[in-house]
N, C-alpha and C. Protein backbone atom coordinates (compact mmCIF):
# COMPACT_ATOMS: atom_id res chain seq x y z
N MET A 1 -31.72 -28.65 -37.76
CA MET A 1 -29.98 -28.58 -37.93
C MET A 1 -29.79 -30.16 -37.65
N ALA A 2 -29.28 -30.81 -38.39
CA ALA A 2 -28.60 -31.90 -38.36
C ALA A 2 -27.13 -32.01 -37.61
N ILE A 3 -26.98 -33.73 -37.12
CA ILE A 3 -25.94 -33.55 -36.67
C ILE A 3 -24.73 -33.33 -37.46
N ARG A 4 -24.77 -33.38 -38.62
CA ARG A 4 -23.91 -33.12 -39.75
C ARG A 4 -23.50 -31.54 -39.96
N ASP A 5 -24.20 -30.93 -39.45
CA ASP A 5 -24.36 -29.32 -39.72
C ASP A 5 -23.36 -28.68 -38.15
N ILE A 6 -23.73 -29.80 -36.80
CA ILE A 6 -22.55 -29.07 -35.57
C ILE A 6 -20.98 -28.79 -36.10
N PRO A 7 -20.75 -29.95 -36.33
CA PRO A 7 -19.13 -30.08 -36.74
C PRO A 7 -19.05 -28.89 -37.86
N ALA A 8 -19.35 -28.44 -39.02
CA ALA A 8 -19.36 -27.63 -39.91
C ALA A 8 -19.41 -26.44 -39.11
N GLY A 9 -20.63 -26.27 -38.15
CA GLY A 9 -20.76 -24.46 -37.69
C GLY A 9 -19.31 -24.53 -36.64
N ILE A 10 -18.79 -25.50 -36.07
CA ILE A 10 -17.93 -24.94 -35.15
C ILE A 10 -16.46 -24.94 -35.77
N LEU A 11 -16.18 -25.61 -37.01
CA LEU A 11 -15.29 -25.25 -37.60
C LEU A 11 -15.23 -24.04 -38.29
N ALA A 12 -16.60 -23.29 -38.62
CA ALA A 12 -16.77 -22.15 -39.01
C ALA A 12 -16.67 -20.95 -38.43
N ARG A 13 -16.97 -21.45 -37.01
CA ARG A 13 -16.61 -20.21 -35.84
C ARG A 13 -15.39 -20.58 -35.60
N ILE A 14 -14.38 -21.55 -35.77
CA ILE A 14 -13.08 -21.24 -35.06
C ILE A 14 -12.16 -20.84 -36.45
N GLN A 15 -12.73 -21.03 -37.79
CA GLN A 15 -12.11 -20.17 -38.75
C GLN A 15 -12.29 -19.00 -38.77
N ALA A 16 -13.30 -18.14 -38.32
CA ALA A 16 -13.39 -17.05 -38.15
C ALA A 16 -12.74 -16.37 -37.01
N LEU A 17 -12.58 -17.09 -35.94
CA LEU A 17 -11.86 -16.40 -34.63
C LEU A 17 -10.38 -16.51 -35.48
N VAL A 18 -9.96 -17.47 -36.36
CA VAL A 18 -8.31 -17.76 -36.80
C VAL A 18 -8.09 -16.31 -37.72
N ASP A 19 -9.28 -16.25 -38.47
CA ASP A 19 -9.00 -15.06 -38.91
C ASP A 19 -8.94 -13.52 -38.91
N ARG A 20 -9.46 -13.54 -37.33
CA ARG A 20 -9.33 -11.91 -36.74
C ARG A 20 -7.71 -12.21 -36.13
N VAL A 21 -7.59 -12.97 -35.57
CA VAL A 21 -6.44 -13.05 -34.95
C VAL A 21 -4.63 -13.21 -36.15
N VAL A 22 -5.23 -14.00 -37.14
CA VAL A 22 -4.16 -14.22 -38.40
C VAL A 22 -4.85 -13.73 -40.09
N LYS A 23 -4.33 -12.90 -40.29
CA LYS A 23 -5.24 -12.73 -41.79
C LYS A 23 -4.79 -13.83 -42.45
N PRO A 24 -5.85 -13.68 -43.54
CA PRO A 24 -5.75 -15.15 -44.52
C PRO A 24 -4.62 -14.92 -45.32
N GLU A 25 -4.49 -13.69 -46.00
CA GLU A 25 -3.35 -13.55 -46.38
C GLU A 25 -1.68 -14.03 -45.69
N THR A 26 -1.65 -13.22 -44.75
CA THR A 26 -0.23 -13.87 -43.94
C THR A 26 -0.15 -15.53 -43.59
N ARG A 27 -1.63 -16.18 -43.43
CA ARG A 27 -1.66 -17.29 -43.31
C ARG A 27 -1.35 -17.97 -44.64
N SER A 28 -1.72 -17.54 -45.61
CA SER A 28 -1.22 -18.32 -46.89
C SER A 28 0.21 -18.35 -47.38
N GLN A 29 0.63 -17.20 -46.93
CA GLN A 29 2.19 -16.83 -47.40
C GLN A 29 2.96 -17.93 -45.90
N PHE A 30 2.32 -17.87 -44.87
CA PHE A 30 3.39 -18.90 -43.67
C PHE A 30 3.02 -20.57 -44.65
N TYR A 31 2.16 -20.68 -44.91
CA TYR A 31 1.68 -21.80 -45.56
C TYR A 31 2.37 -22.54 -46.50
N ALA A 32 2.72 -21.14 -47.59
CA ALA A 32 3.50 -21.64 -48.89
C ALA A 32 5.13 -21.60 -48.48
N SER A 33 5.13 -20.77 -47.20
CA SER A 33 6.73 -20.67 -46.71
C SER A 33 6.93 -22.35 -46.52
N ILE A 34 6.19 -22.96 -45.48
CA ILE A 34 6.15 -24.05 -44.70
C ILE A 34 6.67 -25.31 -46.13
N GLN A 35 5.44 -25.22 -47.19
CA GLN A 35 5.48 -26.19 -47.99
C GLN A 35 6.77 -26.09 -49.30
N THR A 36 7.09 -24.87 -49.11
CA THR A 36 8.67 -24.72 -50.09
C THR A 36 9.72 -25.07 -48.80
N PHE A 37 9.38 -25.37 -47.54
CA PHE A 37 10.58 -25.73 -46.88
C PHE A 37 10.18 -27.30 -47.02
N ALA A 38 9.10 -27.98 -46.69
CA ALA A 38 9.00 -29.00 -46.84
C ALA A 38 9.44 -30.11 -48.08
N THR A 39 9.42 -29.37 -48.90
CA THR A 39 9.83 -29.47 -50.60
C THR A 39 11.21 -29.66 -50.21
N ASP A 40 12.27 -28.41 -50.01
CA ASP A 40 13.84 -28.63 -49.78
C ASP A 40 14.28 -29.04 -48.89
N GLN A 41 13.66 -29.37 -47.85
CA GLN A 41 14.38 -30.43 -47.04
C GLN A 41 13.24 -31.33 -45.99
N PRO A 42 13.18 -32.49 -46.88
CA PRO A 42 11.49 -33.37 -46.53
C PRO A 42 12.10 -34.22 -45.36
N ILE A 43 13.41 -34.28 -45.03
CA ILE A 43 13.59 -35.32 -43.95
C ILE A 43 13.60 -34.63 -42.90
N LEU A 44 14.57 -33.50 -42.62
CA LEU A 44 14.26 -32.35 -41.61
C LEU A 44 12.87 -31.68 -41.36
N ALA A 45 11.91 -31.56 -42.14
CA ALA A 45 10.61 -31.02 -41.80
C ALA A 45 9.73 -32.16 -41.58
N THR A 46 10.27 -33.57 -41.73
CA THR A 46 9.19 -34.86 -41.42
C THR A 46 9.65 -34.57 -39.86
N PHE A 47 11.44 -34.49 -39.54
CA PHE A 47 11.88 -34.79 -38.19
C PHE A 47 10.83 -33.62 -37.16
N LEU A 48 10.80 -32.52 -37.74
CA LEU A 48 10.23 -31.50 -37.16
C LEU A 48 8.69 -31.22 -36.57
N LEU A 49 8.01 -31.90 -38.14
CA LEU A 49 6.99 -32.06 -37.69
C LEU A 49 6.57 -33.49 -36.77
N LEU A 50 7.11 -34.41 -36.59
CA LEU A 50 7.13 -35.57 -35.52
C LEU A 50 7.56 -34.65 -34.16
N GLN A 51 8.13 -33.93 -34.31
CA GLN A 51 8.60 -33.53 -32.72
C GLN A 51 7.43 -32.55 -32.28
N VAL A 52 6.81 -31.96 -33.07
CA VAL A 52 6.08 -31.00 -32.95
C VAL A 52 4.66 -31.81 -32.82
N LEU A 53 4.38 -32.72 -33.37
CA LEU A 53 3.26 -33.57 -32.93
C LEU A 53 3.07 -34.15 -31.44
N LEU A 54 4.29 -34.74 -31.26
CA LEU A 54 4.36 -35.98 -30.10
C LEU A 54 5.15 -35.15 -28.79
N SER A 55 5.66 -33.85 -28.91
CA SER A 55 6.08 -33.34 -27.74
C SER A 55 5.01 -32.20 -27.51
N GLY A 56 4.33 -31.76 -28.57
CA GLY A 56 3.31 -30.39 -28.28
C GLY A 56 2.29 -30.35 -27.50
N LEU A 57 1.49 -32.12 -27.35
CA LEU A 57 0.52 -32.40 -26.51
C LEU A 57 1.28 -32.11 -24.85
N PRO A 58 2.60 -32.55 -24.38
CA PRO A 58 2.66 -32.75 -23.20
C PRO A 58 3.34 -31.29 -22.83
N LEU A 59 3.67 -30.58 -24.22
CA LEU A 59 4.48 -29.14 -23.46
C LEU A 59 3.22 -28.33 -23.46
N LEU A 60 2.03 -28.18 -23.98
CA LEU A 60 0.59 -27.73 -23.71
C LEU A 60 0.16 -28.06 -22.37
N LEU A 61 -0.08 -29.22 -22.11
CA LEU A 61 -0.41 -29.80 -20.73
C LEU A 61 0.44 -29.12 -19.58
N PHE A 62 2.05 -29.02 -19.94
CA PHE A 62 2.45 -28.57 -18.83
C PHE A 62 2.14 -26.75 -18.88
N ALA A 63 2.58 -26.16 -19.67
CA ALA A 63 2.21 -25.00 -19.68
C ALA A 63 0.64 -24.66 -19.13
N SER A 64 0.06 -25.35 -19.59
CA SER A 64 -1.63 -25.16 -18.72
C SER A 64 -1.26 -25.06 -16.83
N PHE A 65 -1.00 -26.49 -16.72
CA PHE A 65 -0.54 -27.13 -15.24
C PHE A 65 0.59 -25.69 -14.62
N ALA A 66 1.42 -25.25 -15.34
CA ALA A 66 2.11 -23.88 -14.84
C ALA A 66 1.25 -23.14 -14.62
N ILE A 67 0.69 -22.48 -15.72
CA ILE A 67 -0.49 -21.33 -15.52
C ILE A 67 -1.50 -21.46 -14.50
N GLY A 68 -1.82 -22.61 -14.18
CA GLY A 68 -3.25 -22.96 -13.43
C GLY A 68 -2.57 -22.70 -11.90
N THR A 69 -1.27 -23.45 -11.86
CA THR A 69 -0.30 -23.25 -10.35
C THR A 69 -0.34 -22.12 -9.61
N LEU A 70 0.17 -21.37 -10.73
CA LEU A 70 0.55 -19.88 -10.79
C LEU A 70 -0.98 -18.94 -10.54
N LEU A 71 -2.25 -19.42 -10.98
CA LEU A 71 -3.50 -18.48 -10.72
C LEU A 71 -4.13 -19.01 -9.54
N VAL A 72 -3.97 -20.29 -9.09
CA VAL A 72 -4.07 -20.54 -7.64
C VAL A 72 -2.89 -20.39 -7.01
N SER A 73 -1.83 -20.24 -6.82
CA SER A 73 -1.53 -20.05 -5.64
C SER A 73 -1.23 -18.54 -5.60
N PHE A 74 -1.54 -17.48 -6.68
CA PHE A 74 -1.67 -15.97 -6.59
C PHE A 74 -2.93 -15.93 -5.70
N VAL A 75 -4.04 -16.77 -6.35
CA VAL A 75 -5.52 -16.28 -5.58
C VAL A 75 -5.10 -16.93 -3.82
N SER A 76 -4.34 -17.82 -3.79
CA SER A 76 -4.15 -18.28 -2.37
C SER A 76 -3.26 -17.32 -1.59
N ALA A 77 -2.53 -16.85 -2.40
CA ALA A 77 -1.56 -15.65 -1.13
C ALA A 77 -2.26 -14.52 -1.36
N ILE A 78 -3.42 -14.30 -2.03
CA ILE A 78 -4.03 -12.86 -2.13
C ILE A 78 -5.29 -13.17 -0.94
N LEU A 79 -5.72 -14.45 -0.60
CA LEU A 79 -6.53 -14.71 0.33
C LEU A 79 -5.93 -14.81 1.60
N PHE A 80 -4.34 -15.57 1.77
CA PHE A 80 -4.16 -15.79 2.91
C PHE A 80 -3.48 -14.26 3.59
N SER A 81 -3.38 -13.64 2.47
CA SER A 81 -2.88 -11.97 3.19
C SER A 81 -3.78 -11.29 3.04
N LEU A 82 -4.79 -11.50 2.82
CA LEU A 82 -6.35 -10.75 3.31
C LEU A 82 -6.28 -10.95 4.91
N PHE A 83 -6.56 -12.36 5.01
CA PHE A 83 -7.14 -13.26 6.16
C PHE A 83 -6.07 -12.44 7.34
N TRP A 84 -4.58 -12.87 7.01
CA TRP A 84 -3.89 -12.10 8.08
C TRP A 84 -3.94 -10.51 8.43
N ILE A 85 -3.83 -9.98 7.30
CA ILE A 85 -4.11 -8.27 7.51
C ILE A 85 -5.71 -8.16 8.24
N GLY A 86 -6.53 -8.77 8.10
CA GLY A 86 -7.96 -8.55 8.82
C GLY A 86 -7.77 -9.18 9.94
N LEU A 87 -6.93 -10.36 10.59
CA LEU A 87 -6.63 -10.58 12.02
C LEU A 87 -5.68 -9.51 12.34
N ALA A 88 -4.94 -8.70 11.65
CA ALA A 88 -3.97 -7.72 12.35
C ALA A 88 -4.99 -6.40 12.85
N LEU A 89 -5.87 -6.37 11.52
CA LEU A 89 -6.57 -5.06 11.92
C LEU A 89 -7.80 -5.36 13.68
N LEU A 90 -8.00 -6.60 14.04
CA LEU A 90 -8.66 -6.71 14.56
C LEU A 90 -7.81 -6.46 16.43
N VAL A 91 -6.47 -6.41 16.09
CA VAL A 91 -6.05 -6.29 17.01
C VAL A 91 -5.31 -5.11 17.09
N LEU A 92 -5.08 -4.38 15.72
CA LEU A 92 -5.12 -2.75 15.54
C LEU A 92 -6.19 -1.85 15.89
N LEU A 93 -6.92 -1.93 15.82
CA LEU A 93 -8.20 -1.28 16.23
C LEU A 93 -8.31 -0.81 17.55
N PRO A 94 -8.31 -1.69 18.75
CA PRO A 94 -8.90 -1.87 19.80
C PRO A 94 -7.64 -1.17 20.14
N THR A 95 -6.01 -1.37 19.86
CA THR A 95 -4.78 -0.88 20.43
C THR A 95 -5.27 1.24 19.65
N LEU A 96 -5.60 1.25 18.61
CA LEU A 96 -5.69 2.75 18.42
C LEU A 96 -6.63 3.37 19.40
N PHE A 97 -7.59 2.44 19.80
CA PHE A 97 -8.85 3.00 20.46
C PHE A 97 -8.18 3.43 21.89
N VAL A 98 -7.00 2.58 22.36
CA VAL A 98 -7.03 2.92 23.76
C VAL A 98 -5.43 3.93 23.91
N THR A 99 -4.50 3.89 22.92
CA THR A 99 -3.85 4.57 22.48
C THR A 99 -4.25 6.60 22.56
N VAL A 100 -5.27 6.25 21.60
CA VAL A 100 -5.94 7.56 21.10
C VAL A 100 -6.90 8.35 22.41
N SER A 101 -6.99 7.17 23.57
CA SER A 101 -7.79 7.55 24.49
C SER A 101 -6.77 8.18 25.36
N ALA A 102 -5.85 7.62 25.75
CA ALA A 102 -4.82 7.79 26.74
C ALA A 102 -4.33 9.24 25.88
N GLY A 103 -4.15 9.66 24.83
CA GLY A 103 -3.33 10.89 24.20
C GLY A 103 -4.43 11.81 24.60
N LEU A 104 -5.66 11.72 24.63
CA LEU A 104 -6.77 12.69 24.67
C LEU A 104 -6.53 13.21 26.51
N ALA A 105 -6.71 12.05 27.06
CA ALA A 105 -6.54 12.28 28.82
C ALA A 105 -5.22 12.76 29.13
N VAL A 106 -4.16 12.54 28.35
CA VAL A 106 -2.92 13.34 28.72
C VAL A 106 -3.12 14.44 27.96
N GLY A 107 -3.72 15.06 27.17
CA GLY A 107 -3.46 15.97 26.71
C GLY A 107 -4.57 17.19 27.39
N LEU A 108 -5.52 16.57 28.12
CA LEU A 108 -6.66 16.98 28.91
C LEU A 108 -6.09 17.60 30.23
N TRP A 109 -5.39 16.54 30.99
CA TRP A 109 -4.86 16.63 32.05
C TRP A 109 -4.27 18.03 31.71
N ALA A 110 -3.03 18.02 30.85
CA ALA A 110 -2.22 18.85 30.59
C ALA A 110 -2.61 20.24 30.45
N VAL A 111 -3.84 20.47 29.56
CA VAL A 111 -4.32 21.88 29.77
C VAL A 111 -5.16 22.28 30.93
N GLY A 112 -5.76 21.33 31.67
CA GLY A 112 -6.48 21.31 32.97
C GLY A 112 -5.19 22.21 33.87
N SER A 113 -4.18 21.24 33.99
CA SER A 113 -2.96 21.35 35.02
C SER A 113 -2.84 23.24 34.70
N VAL A 114 -2.60 23.45 33.36
CA VAL A 114 -2.27 24.70 32.87
C VAL A 114 -3.33 25.70 33.62
N LEU A 115 -4.28 25.56 33.15
CA LEU A 115 -5.74 26.39 33.92
C LEU A 115 -5.53 26.62 35.21
N ILE A 116 -5.42 24.88 36.17
CA ILE A 116 -5.52 25.19 37.03
C ILE A 116 -4.17 26.34 37.81
N ALA A 117 -3.08 25.85 37.35
CA ALA A 117 -1.95 26.57 38.17
C ALA A 117 -2.59 28.12 37.47
N LYS A 118 -2.80 28.62 36.32
CA LYS A 118 -3.06 30.06 36.30
C LYS A 118 -4.29 30.45 37.56
N TRP A 119 -4.82 29.95 37.71
CA TRP A 119 -6.09 30.01 38.32
C TRP A 119 -5.35 30.56 40.17
N ALA A 120 -4.79 29.24 40.17
CA ALA A 120 -3.75 29.45 41.49
C ALA A 120 -3.19 30.25 41.79
N TYR A 121 -2.10 30.66 40.67
CA TYR A 121 -1.18 31.66 40.65
C TYR A 121 -2.13 33.56 40.76
N ASN A 122 -3.24 33.01 40.44
CA ASN A 122 -3.84 34.55 40.37
C ASN A 122 -4.52 34.77 41.69
N LEU A 123 -4.74 33.62 42.35
CA LEU A 123 -5.52 33.53 43.66
C LEU A 123 -4.58 34.23 44.46
N LEU A 124 -3.27 34.10 44.10
CA LEU A 124 -2.31 34.88 45.55
C LEU A 124 -2.43 36.38 45.59
N PRO A 125 -1.93 36.96 46.90
CA PRO A 125 -2.48 38.29 47.24
C PRO A 125 -1.72 39.08 46.32
N GLN A 126 -0.19 38.65 45.30
CA GLN A 126 0.40 39.87 45.05
C GLN A 126 -0.23 39.80 43.73
N THR A 127 -0.75 40.98 43.17
CA THR A 127 -0.96 41.15 41.82
C THR A 127 -0.36 41.57 40.86
N ARG A 128 0.92 42.00 41.31
CA ARG A 128 1.83 42.61 40.40
C ARG A 128 3.40 42.04 41.33
N GLY A 129 4.17 42.29 39.92
CA GLY A 129 5.92 41.78 40.84
C GLY A 129 6.59 41.42 40.16
N ARG A 130 7.90 40.63 40.51
CA ARG A 130 8.79 39.74 39.62
C ARG A 130 9.43 39.13 40.58
N ILE A 131 9.70 37.91 40.32
CA ILE A 131 10.58 36.84 41.10
C ILE A 131 11.49 36.08 39.98
N GLU A 132 12.55 36.59 40.97
CA GLU A 132 13.99 36.13 40.31
C GLU A 132 14.52 34.58 40.70
N ALA A 133 15.06 33.74 40.08
CA ALA A 133 15.47 32.00 40.57
C ALA A 133 16.45 32.01 39.90
N GLY A 134 17.52 31.95 40.41
CA GLY A 134 18.84 31.51 40.22
C GLY A 134 19.49 30.03 40.26
N TYR A 135 19.78 29.74 39.44
CA TYR A 135 20.33 28.27 39.27
C TYR A 135 21.98 28.07 39.80
N GLY A 136 22.72 28.70 40.21
CA GLY A 136 24.44 28.53 40.53
C GLY A 136 25.11 28.86 39.66
N GLY A 137 24.63 29.15 38.80
CA GLY A 137 25.66 29.13 37.38
C GLY A 137 25.46 30.98 37.09
N GLN A 138 25.74 31.58 35.96
CA GLN A 138 25.59 32.85 35.46
C GLN A 138 24.23 33.25 35.00
N ARG A 139 23.11 32.21 35.29
CA ARG A 139 21.78 32.59 34.55
C ARG A 139 21.06 32.78 35.64
N LYS A 140 19.88 33.62 35.50
CA LYS A 140 19.04 33.70 36.51
C LYS A 140 17.35 33.61 35.69
N THR A 141 16.31 33.37 35.97
CA THR A 141 15.11 32.98 35.26
C THR A 141 14.21 34.22 36.52
N VAL A 142 13.54 35.29 35.68
CA VAL A 142 12.81 36.30 35.72
C VAL A 142 11.40 35.99 35.26
N VAL A 143 10.59 35.99 36.31
CA VAL A 143 9.08 35.90 36.19
C VAL A 143 8.32 36.94 36.62
N THR A 144 7.84 38.10 35.59
CA THR A 144 7.23 39.06 35.78
C THR A 144 5.39 39.18 35.67
N LYS A 145 5.05 39.35 36.67
CA LYS A 145 3.59 39.25 36.98
C LYS A 145 2.84 40.84 36.43
N THR A 146 2.20 40.76 35.04
CA THR A 146 1.52 42.29 35.25
C THR A 146 -0.32 42.06 35.08
N GLU A 147 -0.77 42.79 34.94
CA GLU A 147 -2.33 42.92 34.56
C GLU A 147 -2.53 43.79 33.22
N ASP A 148 -1.31 43.90 32.47
CA ASP A 148 -1.79 44.11 30.84
C ASP A 148 -2.47 43.15 30.26
N SER A 149 -2.03 41.88 29.96
CA SER A 149 -2.30 40.85 29.14
C SER A 149 -3.23 39.89 29.87
N VAL A 150 -4.04 39.54 29.23
CA VAL A 150 -5.45 38.68 29.72
C VAL A 150 -4.91 37.44 29.00
N LEU A 151 -4.73 37.18 27.88
CA LEU A 151 -4.20 35.79 26.83
C LEU A 151 -3.47 35.25 27.84
N ASP A 152 -2.08 35.67 27.90
CA ASP A 152 -1.05 34.91 29.11
C ASP A 152 -1.24 35.02 30.29
N GLY A 153 -2.35 35.60 31.05
CA GLY A 153 -2.44 35.33 32.59
C GLY A 153 -1.92 36.94 32.85
N GLY A 154 -0.83 37.57 32.42
CA GLY A 154 -0.33 38.97 32.47
C GLY A 154 1.33 37.99 32.96
N LEU A 155 1.40 36.84 32.76
CA LEU A 155 2.70 36.13 33.22
C LEU A 155 4.10 36.46 31.76
N ARG A 156 5.18 37.25 32.08
CA ARG A 156 6.42 36.80 31.04
C ARG A 156 7.41 36.22 32.13
N ALA A 157 8.15 35.49 31.33
CA ALA A 157 9.13 34.76 31.73
C ALA A 157 10.30 34.79 30.79
N GLU A 158 11.35 35.31 31.37
CA GLU A 158 12.93 35.04 30.65
C GLU A 158 14.08 35.11 31.13
N VAL A 159 14.96 34.26 30.55
CA VAL A 159 16.15 34.17 31.23
C VAL A 159 17.37 35.11 31.00
N ARG A 160 17.89 35.43 31.87
CA ARG A 160 19.20 36.72 31.99
C ARG A 160 20.25 36.41 32.25
N GLU A 161 21.20 37.02 32.16
CA GLU A 161 22.55 36.34 33.02
C GLU A 161 22.25 37.17 33.67
N ARG A 162 23.64 36.92 35.15
CA ARG A 162 23.16 37.30 36.45
C ARG A 162 23.37 38.58 36.73
N ASN A 163 24.41 39.20 36.04
CA ASN A 163 24.69 40.43 36.33
C ASN A 163 24.25 41.35 35.27
N GLY A 164 23.60 40.89 34.37
CA GLY A 164 23.25 42.00 33.07
C GLY A 164 21.91 41.83 33.43
N ILE A 165 20.68 42.86 32.42
CA ILE A 165 19.73 43.09 32.32
C ILE A 165 18.91 41.80 31.44
């Protein structure tokens, strides 16, 4: 491959890429309309061409700078957020371990307390009976112990009016 063939190959690839983006028929119509405009308004066409040629490069450079800055800031923001989220997880996980452990301990303590209270109540010599407790108002609490139900330990509690049943 000769050195002269390299630019021709590059131009052919660019032409194929442009043909994929814009059809050759559409492009030829666009060129024709630009040529008609330049023929009808030569001074305005020259002014616009100079503006595009002289301002195009700075505009392209600014657009590439803005896009690059946005990409860098998005990547930086994502990395910054991931860092602080990871650091927060280092605090959250031990905290959750402590709170879940405390919740389990309190739950087991409550279940154990209920079981020990039922066991202690069943040790009392009275196997059946009724206990009434008034609170100074119109209501009283009645706790009845029977040996009928195994699931609730034979205990039934209800709140009644003081004069009624």
